[in-house]
Amino acid sequence: MNMPHAACKLLTVICEAGLENDLLRDLERLGATGYTITDARGRGARGVRNAAWSESANIRVEVLCSEPTAEAIVQRLKQRYYANYAMVLFMADVAVLRVEKF
């Protein structure tokens, strides 16, 4: 069965939980119409982030959006946060099946 779909970008941001409010304001200002946030834990260049206490908690923010919106968000986050905070960004091409939402 061939289902209609919309092509868009999935931008994923993994960062310190303390950035959540500022990050969400940036996303909305740059055109993100929605996002999903989940708690995240793991290990990387800045050590183990296990979320056992709020100072080491991470979040994972996922945004489905157009390529221009994703690029604008990436540039802003790199400029504003990369130098001083633990943050990882990655982007993928995805096909969204609920076309009417996008």
PDB file of N, CA and C in Angstrom:
ATOM      1  N   MET A   1       0.841  -1.164   0.000  1.00  0.00           N
ATOM      2  CA  MET A   1       0.000   0.000   0.000  1.00  0.00           C
ATOM      3  C   MET A   1       0.896   1.240   0.000  1.00  0.00           C
ATOM      4  N   ASN A   2       0.617   2.177  -0.884  1.00  0.00           N
ATOM      5  CA  ASN A   2       1.383   3.405  -1.005  1.00  0.00           C
ATOM      6  C   ASN A   2       0.677   4.521  -0.243  1.00  0.00           C
ATOM      7  N   MET A   3       1.224   4.908   0.894  1.00  0.00           N
ATOM      8  CA  MET A   3       0.608   5.944   1.718  1.00  0.00           C
ATOM      9  C   MET A   3       1.219   7.300   1.371  1.00  0.00           C
ATOM     10  N   PRO A   4       0.406   8.354   1.326  1.00  0.00           N
ATOM     11  CA  PRO A   4       0.964   9.682   1.080  1.00  0.00           C
ATOM     12  C   PRO A   4       1.871  10.087   2.239  1.00  0.00           C
ATOM     13  N   HIS A   5       2.945  10.783   1.895  1.00  0.00           N
ATOM     14  CA  HIS A   5       3.866  11.223   2.931  1.00  0.00           C
ATOM     15  C   HIS A   5       4.474  12.576   2.554  1.00  0.00           C
ATOM     16  N   ALA A   6       4.997  13.249   3.558  1.00  0.00           N
ATOM     17  CA  ALA A   6       5.662  14.529   3.365  1.00  0.00           C
ATOM     18  C   ALA A   6       7.127  14.364   3.735  1.00  0.00           C
ATOM     19  N   ALA A   7       8.016  14.844   2.882  1.00  0.00           N
ATOM     20  CA  ALA A   7       9.440  14.807   3.179  1.00  0.00           C
ATOM     21  C   ALA A   7       9.787  15.999   4.059  1.00  0.00           C
ATOM     22  N   CYS A   8      10.549  15.745   5.118  1.00  0.00           N
ATOM     23  CA  CYS A   8      11.005  16.841   5.971  1.00  0.00           C
ATOM     24  C   CYS A   8      12.272  16.408   6.686  1.00  0.00           C
ATOM     25  N   LYS A   9      12.778  17.271   7.523  1.00  0.00           N
ATOM     26  CA  LYS A   9      13.985  16.987   8.299  1.00  0.00           C
ATOM     27  C   LYS A   9      13.596  16.649   9.731  1.00  0.00           C
ATOM     28  N   LEU A  10      14.323  15.717  10.304  1.00  0.00           N
ATOM     29  CA  LEU A  10      14.233  15.419  11.726  1.00  0.00           C
ATOM     30  C   LEU A  10      15.514  15.949  12.345  1.00  0.00           C
ATOM     31  N   LEU A  11      15.383  17.012  13.113  1.00  0.00           N
ATOM     32  CA  LEU A  11      16.519  17.596  13.816  1.00  0.00           C
ATOM     33  C   LEU A  11      16.455  17.117  15.261  1.00  0.00           C
ATOM     34  N   THR A  12      17.538  16.514  15.725  1.00  0.00           N
ATOM     35  CA  THR A  12      17.617  16.020  17.092  1.00  0.00           C
ATOM     36  C   THR A  12      18.678  16.807  17.843  1.00  0.00           C
ATOM     37  N   VAL A  13      18.305  17.278  19.020  1.00  0.00           N
ATOM     38  CA  VAL A  13      19.205  18.037  19.891  1.00  0.00           C
ATOM     39  C   VAL A  13      19.294  17.283  21.207  1.00  0.00           C
ATOM     40  N   ILE A  14      20.505  16.924  21.612  1.00  0.00           N
ATOM     41  CA  ILE A  14      20.720  16.329  22.923  1.00  0.00           C
ATOM     42  C   ILE A  14      21.564  17.327  23.698  1.00  0.00           C
ATOM     43  N   CYS A  15      21.051  17.758  24.850  1.00  0.00           N
ATOM     44  CA  CYS A  15      21.731  18.819  25.589  1.00  0.00           C
ATOM     45  C   CYS A  15      21.406  18.749  27.073  1.00  0.00           C
ATOM     46  N   GLU A  16      22.037  19.632  27.808  1.00  0.00           N
ATOM     47  CA  GLU A  16      21.800  19.737  29.243  1.00  0.00           C
ATOM     48  C   GLU A  16      20.357  20.157  29.509  1.00  0.00           C
ATOM     49  N   ALA A  17      19.714  19.505  30.446  1.00  0.00           N
ATOM     50  CA  ALA A  17      18.308  19.789  30.747  1.00  0.00           C
ATOM     51  C   ALA A  17      18.089  21.234  31.180  1.00  0.00           C
ATOM     52  N   GLY A  18      19.075  21.852  31.774  1.00  0.00           N
ATOM     53  CA  GLY A  18      18.949  23.228  32.217  1.00  0.00           C
ATOM     54  C   GLY A  18      18.752  24.223  31.089  1.00  0.00           C
ATOM     55  N   LEU A  19      19.019  23.816  29.861  1.00  0.00           N
ATOM     56  CA  LEU A  19      18.843  24.689  28.694  1.00  0.00           C
ATOM     57  C   LEU A  19      17.427  24.650  28.131  1.00  0.00           C
ATOM     58  N   GLU A  20      16.566  23.801  28.660  1.00  0.00           N
ATOM     59  CA  GLU A  20      15.274  23.537  28.036  1.00  0.00           C
ATOM     60  C   GLU A  20      14.478  24.805  27.727  1.00  0.00           C
ATOM     61  N   ASN A  21      14.252  25.665  28.691  1.00  0.00           N
ATOM     62  CA  ASN A  21      13.407  26.846  28.444  1.00  0.00           C
ATOM     63  C   ASN A  21      13.995  27.762  27.378  1.00  0.00           C
ATOM     64  N   ASP A  22      15.297  28.059  27.463  1.00  0.00           N
ATOM     65  CA  ASP A  22      15.941  28.913  26.463  1.00  0.00           C
ATOM     66  C   ASP A  22      15.924  28.248  25.092  1.00  0.00           C
ATOM     67  N   LEU A  23      16.204  26.972  25.065  1.00  0.00           N
ATOM     68  CA  LEU A  23      16.224  26.231  23.805  1.00  0.00           C
ATOM     69  C   LEU A  23      14.857  26.253  23.129  1.00  0.00           C
ATOM     70  N   LEU A  24      13.806  26.016  23.888  1.00  0.00           N
ATOM     71  CA  LEU A  24      12.461  26.002  23.312  1.00  0.00           C
ATOM     72  C   LEU A  24      12.062  27.373  22.780  1.00  0.00           C
ATOM     73  N   ARG A  25      12.467  28.430  23.472  1.00  0.00           N
ATOM     74  CA  ARG A  25      12.207  29.782  22.946  1.00  0.00           C
ATOM     75  C   ARG A  25      12.910  29.982  21.616  1.00  0.00           C
ATOM     76  N   ASP A  26      14.158  29.531  21.516  1.00  0.00           N
ATOM     77  CA  ASP A  26      14.892  29.641  20.252  1.00  0.00           C
ATOM     78  C   ASP A  26      14.200  28.856  19.144  1.00  0.00           C
ATOM     79  N   LEU A  27      13.783  27.627  19.438  1.00  0.00           N
ATOM     80  CA  LEU A  27      13.123  26.803  18.424  1.00  0.00           C
ATOM     81  C   LEU A  27      11.867  27.484  17.892  1.00  0.00           C
ATOM     82  N   GLU A  28      11.051  27.994  18.793  1.00  0.00           N
ATOM     83  CA  GLU A  28       9.801  28.635  18.377  1.00  0.00           C
ATOM     84  C   GLU A  28      10.055  29.906  17.582  1.00  0.00           C
ATOM     85  N   ARG A  29      11.027  30.706  17.993  1.00  0.00           N
ATOM     86  CA  ARG A  29      11.370  31.931  17.254  1.00  0.00           C
ATOM     87  C   ARG A  29      11.858  31.636  15.841  1.00  0.00           C
ATOM     88  N   LEU A  30      12.487  30.477  15.669  1.00  0.00           N
ATOM     89  CA  LEU A  30      13.063  30.121  14.374  1.00  0.00           C
ATOM     90  C   LEU A  30      12.121  29.300  13.500  1.00  0.00           C
ATOM     91  N   GLY A  31      10.879  29.108  13.937  1.00  0.00           N
ATOM     92  CA  GLY A  31       9.884  28.496  13.064  1.00  0.00           C
ATOM     93  C   GLY A  31       9.476  27.077  13.357  1.00  0.00           C
ATOM     94  N   ALA A  32       9.998  26.473  14.408  1.00  0.00           N
ATOM     95  CA  ALA A  32       9.553  25.121  14.760  1.00  0.00           C
ATOM     96  C   ALA A  32       8.110  25.196  15.244  1.00  0.00           C
ATOM     97  N   THR A  33       7.246  24.391  14.662  1.00  0.00           N
ATOM     98  CA  THR A  33       5.835  24.421  15.044  1.00  0.00           C
ATOM     99  C   THR A  33       5.502  23.378  16.109  1.00  0.00           C
ATOM    100  N   GLY A  34       6.456  22.528  16.410  1.00  0.00           N
ATOM    101  CA  GLY A  34       6.262  21.518  17.431  1.00  0.00           C
ATOM    102  C   GLY A  34       7.573  20.817  17.730  1.00  0.00           C
ATOM    103  N   TYR A  35       7.585  20.047  18.791  1.00  0.00           N
ATOM    104  CA  TYR A  35       8.778  19.308  19.188  1.00  0.00           C
ATOM    105  C   TYR A  35       8.371  18.231  20.185  1.00  0.00           C
ATOM    106  N   THR A  36       9.271  17.282  20.385  1.00  0.00           N
ATOM    107  CA  THR A  36       9.097  16.238  21.385  1.00  0.00           C
ATOM    108  C   THR A  36      10.321  16.254  22.275  1.00  0.00           C
ATOM    109  N   ILE A  37      10.107  16.204  23.586  1.00  0.00           N
ATOM    110  CA  ILE A  37      11.212  16.212  24.541  1.00  0.00           C
ATOM    111  C   ILE A  37      11.157  14.936  25.372  1.00  0.00           C
ATOM    112  N   THR A  38      12.296  14.286  25.514  1.00  0.00           N
ATOM    113  CA  THR A  38      12.416  13.125  26.384  1.00  0.00           C
ATOM    114  C   THR A  38      13.676  13.272  27.230  1.00  0.00           C
ATOM    115  N   ASP A  39      13.694  12.616  28.380  1.00  0.00           N
ATOM    116  CA  ASP A  39      14.902  12.575  29.194  1.00  0.00           C
ATOM    117  C   ASP A  39      15.921  11.698  28.477  1.00  0.00           C
ATOM    118  N   ALA A  40      17.195  12.032  28.644  1.00  0.00           N
ATOM    119  CA  ALA A  40      18.249  11.276  27.972  1.00  0.00           C
ATOM    120  C   ALA A  40      19.408  11.053  28.937  1.00  0.00           C
ATOM    121  N   ARG A  41      20.093   9.961  28.760  1.00  0.00           N
ATOM    122  CA  ARG A  41      21.296   9.709  29.537  1.00  0.00           C
ATOM    123  C   ARG A  41      22.274   8.944  28.656  1.00  0.00           C
ATOM    124  N   GLY A  42      23.551   9.034  29.000  1.00  0.00           N
ATOM    125  CA  GLY A  42      24.565   8.357  28.213  1.00  0.00           C
ATOM    126  C   GLY A  42      25.953   8.828  28.572  1.00  0.00           C
ATOM    127  N   ARG A  43      26.887   8.561  27.690  1.00  0.00           N
ATOM    128  CA  ARG A  43      28.277   8.934  27.900  1.00  0.00           C
ATOM    129  C   ARG A  43      28.810   9.566  26.635  1.00  0.00           C
ATOM    130  N   GLY A  44      29.607  10.604  26.805  1.00  0.00           N
ATOM    131  CA  GLY A  44      30.210  11.288  25.667  1.00  0.00           C
ATOM    132  C   GLY A  44      31.480  12.001  26.082  1.00  0.00           C
ATOM    133  N   ALA A  45      31.867  12.986  25.287  1.00  0.00           N
ATOM    134  CA  ALA A  45      33.110  13.714  25.516  1.00  0.00           C
ATOM    135  C   ALA A  45      33.148  14.407  26.873  1.00  0.00           C
ATOM    136  N   ARG A  46      32.008  14.750  27.418  1.00  0.00           N
ATOM    137  CA  ARG A  46      31.963  15.429  28.720  1.00  0.00           C
ATOM    138  C   ARG A  46      31.653  14.450  29.860  1.00  0.00           C
ATOM    139  N   GLY A  47      31.826  13.156  29.608  1.00  0.00           N
ATOM    140  CA  GLY A  47      31.652  12.163  30.651  1.00  0.00           C
ATOM    141  C   GLY A  47      30.276  11.536  30.663  1.00  0.00           C
ATOM    142  N   VAL A  48      29.977  10.839  31.748  1.00  0.00           N
ATOM    143  CA  VAL A  48      28.700  10.150  31.910  1.00  0.00           C
ATOM    144  C   VAL A  48      27.644  11.157  32.348  1.00  0.00           C
ATOM    145  N   ARG A  49      26.498  11.106  31.691  1.00  0.00           N
ATOM    146  CA  ARG A  49      25.344  11.947  32.044  1.00  0.00           C
ATOM    147  C   ARG A  49      24.233  10.975  32.399  1.00  0.00           C
ATOM    148  N   ASN A  50      24.025  10.745  33.700  1.00  0.00           N
ATOM    149  CA  ASN A  50      23.105   9.679  34.085  1.00  0.00           C
ATOM    150  C   ASN A  50      21.752  10.159  34.571  1.00  0.00           C
ATOM    151  N   ALA A  51      21.549  11.467  34.685  1.00  0.00           N
ATOM    152  CA  ALA A  51      20.257  12.041  35.079  1.00  0.00           C
ATOM    153  C   ALA A  51      19.845  11.681  36.500  1.00  0.00           C
ATOM    154  N   ALA A  52      20.765  11.162  37.300  1.00  0.00           N
ATOM    155  CA  ALA A  52      20.431  10.831  38.678  1.00  0.00           C
ATOM    156  C   ALA A  52      20.178  12.084  39.519  1.00  0.00           C
ATOM    157  N   TRP A  53      20.770  13.191  39.124  1.00  0.00           N
ATOM    158  CA  TRP A  53      20.488  14.466  39.783  1.00  0.00           C
ATOM    159  C   TRP A  53      20.443  15.544  38.725  1.00  0.00           C
ATOM    160  N   SER A  54      19.698  16.587  38.972  1.00  0.00           N
ATOM    161  CA  SER A  54      19.350  17.559  37.931  1.00  0.00           C
ATOM    162  C   SER A  54      20.556  18.213  37.281  1.00  0.00           C
ATOM    163  N   GLU A  55      21.668  18.370  37.997  1.00  0.00           N
ATOM    164  CA  GLU A  55      22.843  19.015  37.407  1.00  0.00           C
ATOM    165  C   GLU A  55      23.476  18.185  36.301  1.00  0.00           C
ATOM    166  N   SER A  56      23.185  16.894  36.242  1.00  0.00           N
ATOM    167  CA  SER A  56      23.765  16.069  35.179  1.00  0.00           C
ATOM    168  C   SER A  56      22.708  15.531  34.220  1.00  0.00           C
ATOM    169  N   ALA A  57      21.486  16.046  34.308  1.00  0.00           N
ATOM    170  CA  ALA A  57      20.408  15.549  33.445  1.00  0.00           C
ATOM    171  C   ALA A  57      20.550  16.088  32.026  1.00  0.00           C
ATOM    172  N   ASN A  58      20.173  15.277  31.071  1.00  0.00           N
ATOM    173  CA  ASN A  58      20.132  15.651  29.661  1.00  0.00           C
ATOM    174  C   ASN A  58      18.711  15.485  29.140  1.00  0.00           C
ATOM    175  N   ILE A  59      18.418  16.200  28.079  1.00  0.00           N
ATOM    176  CA  ILE A  59      17.171  16.011  27.355  1.00  0.00           C
ATOM    177  C   ILE A  59      17.489  15.755  25.893  1.00  0.00           C
ATOM    178  N   ARG A  60      16.532  15.142  25.233  1.00  0.00           N
ATOM    179  CA  ARG A  60      16.591  14.908  23.786  1.00  0.00           C
ATOM    180  C   ARG A  60      15.379  15.615  23.203  1.00  0.00           C
ATOM    181  N   VAL A  61      15.623  16.571  22.310  1.00  0.00           N
ATOM    182  CA  VAL A  61      14.554  17.347  21.689  1.00  0.00           C
ATOM    183  C   VAL A  61      14.543  16.986  20.207  1.00  0.00           C
ATOM    184  N   GLU A  62      13.377  16.569  19.706  1.00  0.00           N
ATOM    185  CA  GLU A  62      13.234  16.207  18.295  1.00  0.00           C
ATOM    186  C   GLU A  62      12.255  17.160  17.636  1.00  0.00           C
ATOM    187  N   VAL A  63      12.662  17.669  16.481  1.00  0.00           N
ATOM    188  CA  VAL A  63      11.858  18.636  15.737  1.00  0.00           C
ATOM    189  C   VAL A  63      11.717  18.136  14.307  1.00  0.00           C
ATOM    190  N   LEU A  64      10.471  18.021  13.818  1.00  0.00           N
ATOM    191  CA  LEU A  64      10.200  17.743  12.409  1.00  0.00           C
ATOM    192  C   LEU A  64       9.907  19.078  11.744  1.00  0.00           C
ATOM    193  N   CYS A  65      10.659  19.413  10.695  1.00  0.00           N
ATOM    194  CA  CYS A  65      10.506  20.725  10.075  1.00  0.00           C
ATOM    195  C   CYS A  65      11.087  20.716   8.670  1.00  0.00           C
ATOM    196  N   SER A  66      10.964  21.855   8.002  1.00  0.00           N
ATOM    197  CA  SER A  66      11.539  22.009   6.669  1.00  0.00           C
ATOM    198  C   SER A  66      13.061  22.131   6.780  1.00  0.00           C
ATOM    199  N   GLU A  67      13.740  21.930   5.669  1.00  0.00           N
ATOM    200  CA  GLU A  67      15.196  22.063   5.668  1.00  0.00           C
ATOM    201  C   GLU A  67      15.652  23.478   6.032  1.00  0.00           C
ATOM    202  N   PRO A  68      15.037  24.535   5.481  1.00  0.00           N
ATOM    203  CA  PRO A  68      15.472  25.886   5.881  1.00  0.00           C
ATOM    204  C   PRO A  68      15.301  26.156   7.375  1.00  0.00           C
ATOM    205  N   THR A  69      14.212  25.671   7.958  1.00  0.00           N
ATOM    206  CA  THR A  69      14.006  25.846   9.397  1.00  0.00           C
ATOM    207  C   THR A  69      15.059  25.077  10.178  1.00  0.00           C
ATOM    208  N   ALA A  70      15.333  23.847   9.774  1.00  0.00           N
ATOM    209  CA  ALA A  70      16.351  23.040  10.455  1.00  0.00           C
ATOM    210  C   ALA A  70      17.713  23.719  10.381  1.00  0.00           C
ATOM    211  N   GLU A  71      18.075  24.234   9.228  1.00  0.00           N
ATOM    212  CA  GLU A  71      19.370  24.908   9.070  1.00  0.00           C
ATOM    213  C   GLU A  71      19.454  26.159   9.935  1.00  0.00           C
ATOM    214  N   ALA A  72      18.372  26.931  10.013  1.00  0.00           N
ATOM    215  CA  ALA A  72      18.355  28.138  10.850  1.00  0.00           C
ATOM    216  C   ALA A  72      18.528  27.766  12.324  1.00  0.00           C
ATOM    217  N   ILE A  73      17.865  26.712  12.743  1.00  0.00           N
ATOM    218  CA  ILE A  73      17.978  26.264  14.133  1.00  0.00           C
ATOM    219  C   ILE A  73      19.405  25.812  14.424  1.00  0.00           C
ATOM    220  N   VAL A  74      19.979  25.019  13.531  1.00  0.00           N
ATOM    221  CA  VAL A  74      21.347  24.530  13.722  1.00  0.00           C
ATOM    222  C   VAL A  74      22.322  25.694  13.871  1.00  0.00           C
ATOM    223  N   GLN A  75      22.231  26.672  12.991  1.00  0.00           N
ATOM    224  CA  GLN A  75      23.147  27.815  13.064  1.00  0.00           C
ATOM    225  C   GLN A  75      23.005  28.564  14.384  1.00  0.00           C
ATOM    226  N   ARG A  76      21.786  28.790  14.818  1.00  0.00           N
ATOM    227  CA  ARG A  76      21.546  29.505  16.075  1.00  0.00           C
ATOM    228  C   ARG A  76      22.079  28.727  17.277  1.00  0.00           C
ATOM    229  N   LEU A  77      21.805  27.437  17.324  1.00  0.00           N
ATOM    230  CA  LEU A  77      22.240  26.647  18.461  1.00  0.00           C
ATOM    231  C   LEU A  77      23.759  26.532  18.510  1.00  0.00           C
ATOM    232  N   LYS A  78      24.390  26.349  17.352  1.00  0.00           N
ATOM    233  CA  LYS A  78      25.853  26.297  17.314  1.00  0.00           C
ATOM    234  C   LYS A  78      26.441  27.615  17.820  1.00  0.00           C
ATOM    235  N   GLN A  79      25.883  28.722  17.377  1.00  0.00           N
ATOM    236  CA  GLN A  79      26.378  30.044  17.758  1.00  0.00           C
ATOM    237  C   GLN A  79      26.167  30.312  19.255  1.00  0.00           C
ATOM    238  N   ARG A  80      25.022  29.957  19.754  1.00  0.00           N
ATOM    239  CA  ARG A  80      24.659  30.340  21.124  1.00  0.00           C
ATOM    240  C   ARG A  80      25.141  29.359  22.200  1.00  0.00           C
ATOM    241  N   TYR A  81      25.203  28.065  21.911  1.00  0.00           N
ATOM    242  CA  TYR A  81      25.416  27.078  22.964  1.00  0.00           C
ATOM    243  C   TYR A  81      26.696  26.237  22.857  1.00  0.00           C
ATOM    244  N   TYR A  82      27.193  25.993  21.658  1.00  0.00           N
ATOM    245  CA  TYR A  82      28.274  25.023  21.498  1.00  0.00           C
ATOM    246  C   TYR A  82      29.494  25.291  22.371  1.00  0.00           C
ATOM    247  N   ALA A  83      29.887  26.539  22.520  1.00  0.00           N
ATOM    248  CA  ALA A  83      31.135  26.842  23.233  1.00  0.00           C
ATOM    249  C   ALA A  83      31.068  26.529  24.729  1.00  0.00           C
ATOM    250  N   ASN A  84      29.885  26.588  25.311  1.00  0.00           N
ATOM    251  CA  ASN A  84      29.797  26.509  26.770  1.00  0.00           C
ATOM    252  C   ASN A  84      28.936  25.392  27.332  1.00  0.00           C
ATOM    253  N   TYR A  85      28.283  24.623  26.486  1.00  0.00           N
ATOM    254  CA  TYR A  85      27.355  23.602  26.980  1.00  0.00           C
ATOM    255  C   TYR A  85      27.566  22.276  26.259  1.00  0.00           C
ATOM    256  N   ALA A  86      27.202  21.189  26.949  1.00  0.00           N
ATOM    257  CA  ALA A  86      27.202  19.875  26.314  1.00  0.00           C
ATOM    258  C   ALA A  86      25.998  19.815  25.381  1.00  0.00           C
ATOM    259  N   MET A  87      26.251  19.695  24.089  1.00  0.00           N
ATOM    260  CA  MET A  87      25.161  19.668  23.107  1.00  0.00           C
ATOM    261  C   MET A  87      25.615  18.899  21.873  1.00  0.00           C
ATOM    262  N   VAL A  88      24.717  18.052  21.382  1.00  0.00           N
ATOM    263  CA  VAL A  88      24.936  17.321  20.140  1.00  0.00           C
ATOM    264  C   VAL A  88      23.730  17.563  19.255  1.00  0.00           C
ATOM    265  N   LEU A  89      23.981  17.845  17.978  1.00  0.00           N
ATOM    266  CA  LEU A  89      22.916  18.025  16.986  1.00  0.00           C
ATOM    267  C   LEU A  89      23.113  17.003  15.884  1.00  0.00           C
ATOM    268  N   PHE A  90      22.013  16.432  15.412  1.00  0.00           N
ATOM    269  CA  PHE A  90      22.084  15.649  14.184  1.00  0.00           C
ATOM    270  C   PHE A  90      20.769  15.760  13.446  1.00  0.00           C
ATOM    271  N   MET A  91      20.858  15.567  12.127  1.00  0.00           N
ATOM    272  CA  MET A  91      19.713  15.783  11.256  1.00  0.00           C
ATOM    273  C   MET A  91      19.591  14.605  10.290  1.00  0.00           C
ATOM    274  N   ALA A  92      18.343  14.253   9.988  1.00  0.00           N
ATOM    275  CA  ALA A  92      18.089  13.156   9.051  1.00  0.00           C
ATOM    276  C   ALA A  92      16.908  13.512   8.149  1.00  0.00           C
ATOM    277  N   ASP A  93      16.918  12.963   6.954  1.00  0.00           N
ATOM    278  CA  ASP A  93      15.768  13.072   6.066  1.00  0.00           C
ATOM    279  C   ASP A  93      14.744  12.031   6.497  1.00  0.00           C
ATOM    280  N   VAL A  94      13.491  12.446   6.630  1.00  0.00           N
ATOM    281  CA  VAL A  94      12.435  11.525   7.034  1.00  0.00           C
ATOM    282  C   VAL A  94      11.198  11.731   6.165  1.00  0.00           C
ATOM    283  N   ALA A  95      10.333  10.731   6.160  1.00  0.00           N
ATOM    284  CA  ALA A  95       9.042  10.819   5.477  1.00  0.00           C
ATOM    285  C   ALA A  95       7.959  10.739   6.544  1.00  0.00           C
ATOM    286  N   VAL A  96       7.179  11.790   6.668  1.00  0.00           N
ATOM    287  CA  VAL A  96       6.109  11.854   7.661  1.00  0.00           C
ATOM    288  C   VAL A  96       4.815  11.373   7.019  1.00  0.00           C
ATOM    289  N   LEU A  97       4.137  10.437   7.665  1.00  0.00           N
ATOM    290  CA  LEU A  97       2.951   9.833   7.067  1.00  0.00           C
ATOM    291  C   LEU A  97       1.666  10.624   7.305  1.00  0.00           C
ATOM    292  N   ARG A  98       1.613  11.461   8.283  1.00  0.00           N
ATOM    293  CA  ARG A  98       0.402  12.272   8.508  1.00  0.00           C
ATOM    294  C   ARG A  98       0.610  13.628   7.838  1.00  0.00           C
ATOM    295  N   VAL A  99       0.483  13.636   6.532  1.00  0.00           N
ATOM    296  CA  VAL A  99       0.793  14.805   5.709  1.00  0.00           C
ATOM    297  C   VAL A  99       0.031  16.045   6.175  1.00  0.00           C
ATOM    298  N   GLU A 100      -1.209  15.872   6.613  1.00  0.00           N
ATOM    299  CA  GLU A 100      -2.030  17.024   7.008  1.00  0.00           C
ATOM    300  C   GLU A 100      -1.453  17.776   8.198  1.00  0.00           C
ATOM    301  N   LYS A 101      -0.547  17.180   8.941  1.00  0.00           N
ATOM    302  CA  LYS A 101       0.060  17.852  10.090  1.00  0.00           C
ATOM    303  C   LYS A 101       1.256  18.703   9.699  1.00  0.00           C
ATOM    304  N   PHE A 102       1.715  18.554   8.465  1.00  0.00           N
ATOM    305  CA  PHE A 102       2.922  19.253   8.034  1.00  0.00           C
ATOM    306  C   PHE A 102       2.626  19.964   6.756  1.00  0.00           C
TER     307      PHE A 102
END
